[in-house]
Amino acid sequence: MTERTNNERVTLTSAGRAQLSEEASRLEVRLAELRELLEEAHADRTADDDERAAALGLLDEHSRMEARLAEIRALLEMSADAQPVNTDVGNVGTKIKVRDEDGVEEEYTLVSAAEASPSAGRISVQSPLGKALHGRRVGEKAEVVAPSGRWQIEILAIEAAA
């Protein structure tokens, strides 16, 4: 879950807002299915232990999904749209191409913590790598300080993320 204080604004890219809205829609559909299954399980007075255990599993899934849906709704309500992207510096909504000390080139999109997905290349500006890239310009070098160690990267290109 994303931790933030009450009334703290979160900046979302349009892609991040769309992704969260789609997730909310999927959760609403699944919650309706789970409610139906739970009602059927509750109505079945002849359920055996396995069926009761399955119903408890459904109830747990329902609770987790309700919590996630509430989190998404609150996030969407309290979020601000990312401003038009200034591609002079790394900021939320920019895609940044970097080269590390070994000559390996990578591309990352800087996003808020709410829409971060490192495996998809969407890096939070609050992460160690995001902090190193945030505010940097093409040609600059930055030091990434992370729990796994320190390393240097060079900013090769900055563009607006799709």
Protein backbone atom coordinates (compact mmCIF):
# COMPACT_ATOMS: atom_id res chain seq x y z
CA MET A 1 0.00 0.00 0.00
CA THR A 2 1.07 3.53 -0.65
CA GLU A 3 1.66 5.43 2.56
CA ARG A 4 0.86 9.13 2.67
CA THR A 5 -0.59 11.58 5.12
CA ASN A 6 -4.13 12.89 4.82
CA ASN A 7 -4.57 15.57 2.17
CA GLU A 8 -1.14 14.86 0.66
CA ARG A 9 -1.38 15.27 -3.11
CA VAL A 10 0.11 12.55 -5.30
CA THR A 11 1.11 13.38 -8.85
CA LEU A 12 -0.08 10.87 -11.44
CA THR A 13 0.76 10.67 -15.10
CA SER A 14 -2.19 10.18 -17.45
CA ALA A 15 -1.00 6.60 -18.06
CA GLY A 16 -0.82 5.97 -14.31
CA ARG A 17 -4.31 7.39 -13.77
CA ALA A 18 -5.69 5.20 -16.58
CA GLN A 19 -3.95 2.11 -15.17
CA LEU A 20 -5.40 2.72 -11.69
CA SER A 21 -8.88 3.35 -13.13
CA GLU A 22 -8.69 0.08 -15.08
CA GLU A 23 -7.58 -1.78 -11.96
CA ALA A 24 -10.51 -0.28 -10.02
CA SER A 25 -12.92 -1.45 -12.73
CA ARG A 26 -11.50 -4.99 -12.64
CA LEU A 27 -11.76 -5.03 -8.85
CA GLU A 28 -15.39 -3.88 -8.96
CA VAL A 29 -16.27 -6.74 -11.33
CA ARG A 30 -14.44 -9.32 -9.23
CA LEU A 31 -15.99 -7.99 -6.00
CA ALA A 32 -19.47 -8.43 -7.49
CA GLU A 33 -18.58 -12.02 -8.43
CA LEU A 34 -17.26 -12.69 -4.93
CA ARG A 35 -20.37 -11.22 -3.28
CA GLU A 36 -22.50 -13.59 -5.33
CA LEU A 37 -20.34 -16.59 -4.41
CA LEU A 38 -20.37 -15.61 -0.74
CA GLU A 39 -24.16 -15.25 -0.75
CA GLU A 40 -24.46 -18.73 -2.27
CA ALA A 41 -22.07 -20.15 0.33
CA HIS A 42 -23.99 -18.46 3.15
CA ALA A 43 -27.29 -19.84 1.86
CA ASP A 44 -25.89 -23.40 1.70
CA ARG A 45 -26.61 -24.77 5.18
CA THR A 46 -25.30 -28.24 4.20
CA ALA A 47 -21.74 -27.11 3.44
CA ASP A 48 -18.97 -29.42 4.61
CA ASP A 49 -15.65 -28.34 6.13
CA ASP A 50 -13.92 -28.00 2.74
CA GLU A 51 -16.71 -25.79 1.42
CA ARG A 52 -16.60 -23.64 4.58
CA ALA A 53 -12.83 -23.29 4.19
CA ALA A 54 -13.29 -22.25 0.56
CA ALA A 55 -15.87 -19.67 1.65
CA LEU A 56 -13.41 -18.27 4.20
CA GLY A 57 -10.84 -17.98 1.42
CA LEU A 58 -13.36 -16.07 -0.69
CA LEU A 59 -14.11 -13.80 2.25
CA ASP A 60 -10.40 -13.08 2.71
CA GLU A 61 -10.00 -12.31 -1.00
CA HIS A 62 -13.07 -10.06 -0.84
CA SER A 63 -11.62 -8.12 2.11
CA ARG A 64 -8.25 -7.63 0.41
CA MET A 65 -9.89 -6.46 -2.81
CA GLU A 66 -12.19 -4.05 -0.98
CA ALA A 67 -9.18 -2.55 0.79
CA ARG A 68 -7.28 -2.16 -2.50
CA LEU A 69 -10.32 -0.61 -4.20
CA ALA A 70 -10.69 1.89 -1.34
CA GLU A 71 -6.98 2.72 -1.63
CA ILE A 72 -7.25 3.30 -5.39
CA ARG A 73 -10.37 5.46 -5.04
CA ALA A 74 -8.70 7.60 -2.36
CA LEU A 75 -5.56 7.87 -4.46
CA LEU A 76 -7.49 8.96 -7.55
CA GLU A 77 -9.47 11.46 -5.50
CA MET A 78 -6.38 12.97 -3.85
CA SER A 79 -4.18 12.97 -6.94
CA ALA A 80 -3.13 15.78 -9.19
CA ASP A 81 -2.35 15.38 -12.86
CA ALA A 82 1.29 15.62 -13.81
CA GLN A 83 1.97 18.98 -15.40
CA PRO A 84 3.17 19.21 -18.98
CA VAL A 85 6.58 17.64 -18.96
CA ASN A 86 9.71 19.75 -19.08
CA THR A 87 12.19 17.53 -20.88
CA ASP A 88 15.17 19.67 -19.86
CA VAL A 89 15.37 17.80 -16.56
CA GLY A 90 14.32 14.45 -15.16
CA ASN A 91 10.91 14.72 -13.52
CA VAL A 92 7.64 12.81 -13.10
CA GLY A 93 6.48 11.88 -16.59
CA THR A 94 9.88 11.83 -18.28
CA LYS A 95 11.61 8.85 -19.84
CA ILE A 96 15.34 8.91 -19.17
CA LYS A 97 18.01 6.91 -20.94
CA VAL A 98 21.10 6.25 -18.82
CA ARG A 99 24.40 4.42 -19.07
CA ASP A 100 25.97 2.78 -16.03
CA GLU A 101 29.65 2.32 -15.22
CA ASP A 102 29.75 -0.95 -17.17
CA GLY A 103 28.45 0.75 -20.32
CA VAL A 104 24.99 -0.83 -20.03
CA GLU A 105 22.23 1.46 -21.29
CA GLU A 106 18.74 1.41 -19.75
CA GLU A 107 15.58 3.49 -20.01
CA TYR A 108 13.39 4.43 -17.07
CA THR A 109 10.22 6.44 -16.72
CA LEU A 110 10.03 8.59 -13.60
CA VAL A 111 6.67 8.34 -11.85
CA SER A 112 5.15 8.87 -8.41
CA ALA A 113 5.39 6.08 -5.86
CA ALA A 114 1.72 5.28 -6.49
CA GLU A 115 2.36 4.14 -10.05
CA ALA A 116 5.88 2.73 -9.72
CA SER A 117 6.59 -0.67 -11.26
CA PRO A 118 10.33 -1.29 -11.44
CA SER A 119 9.92 -4.45 -13.52
CA ALA A 120 8.13 -2.33 -16.15
CA GLY A 121 10.80 0.40 -15.99
CA ARG A 122 8.57 2.86 -14.07
CA ILE A 123 10.74 4.17 -11.25
CA SER A 124 9.46 6.23 -8.32
CA VAL A 125 11.09 9.62 -7.87
CA GLN A 126 11.35 8.59 -4.20
CA SER A 127 13.46 5.49 -4.93
CA PRO A 128 17.27 5.67 -4.82
CA LEU A 129 17.50 5.60 -8.62
CA GLY A 130 14.63 8.07 -8.97
CA LYS A 131 16.28 10.48 -6.55
CA ALA A 132 19.50 10.28 -8.55
CA LEU A 133 17.68 11.01 -11.83
CA HIS A 134 15.26 13.66 -10.57
CA GLY A 135 16.32 17.16 -11.59
CA ARG A 136 19.27 15.96 -13.70
CA ARG A 137 20.01 17.09 -17.24
CA VAL A 138 21.36 15.30 -20.30
CA GLY A 139 25.12 14.86 -20.00
CA GLU A 140 25.16 14.96 -16.22
CA LYS A 141 26.41 12.11 -14.09
CA ALA A 142 24.69 11.05 -10.90
CA GLU A 143 25.50 8.74 -8.05
CA VAL A 144 22.85 6.22 -7.08
CA VAL A 145 22.95 5.40 -3.37
CA ALA A 146 20.94 2.27 -2.64
CA PRO A 147 20.95 -0.47 0.00
CA SER A 148 22.72 -2.69 -2.55
CA GLY A 149 25.56 -0.19 -2.97
CA ARG A 150 26.62 2.93 -4.85
CA TRP A 151 27.16 3.37 -8.57
CA GLN A 152 27.45 6.10 -11.17
CA ILE A 153 25.11 6.69 -14.09
CA GLU A 154 25.23 9.15 -16.96
CA ILE A 155 22.07 10.74 -18.34
CA LEU A 156 22.03 10.22 -22.12
CA ALA A 157 18.55 11.43 -23.10
CA ILE A 158 15.35 12.80 -21.60
CA GLU A 159 11.98 12.82 -23.34
CA ALA A 160 8.32 12.97 -22.44
CA ALA A 161 7.01 9.55 -21.48
CA ALA A 162 4.20 8.14 -23.58
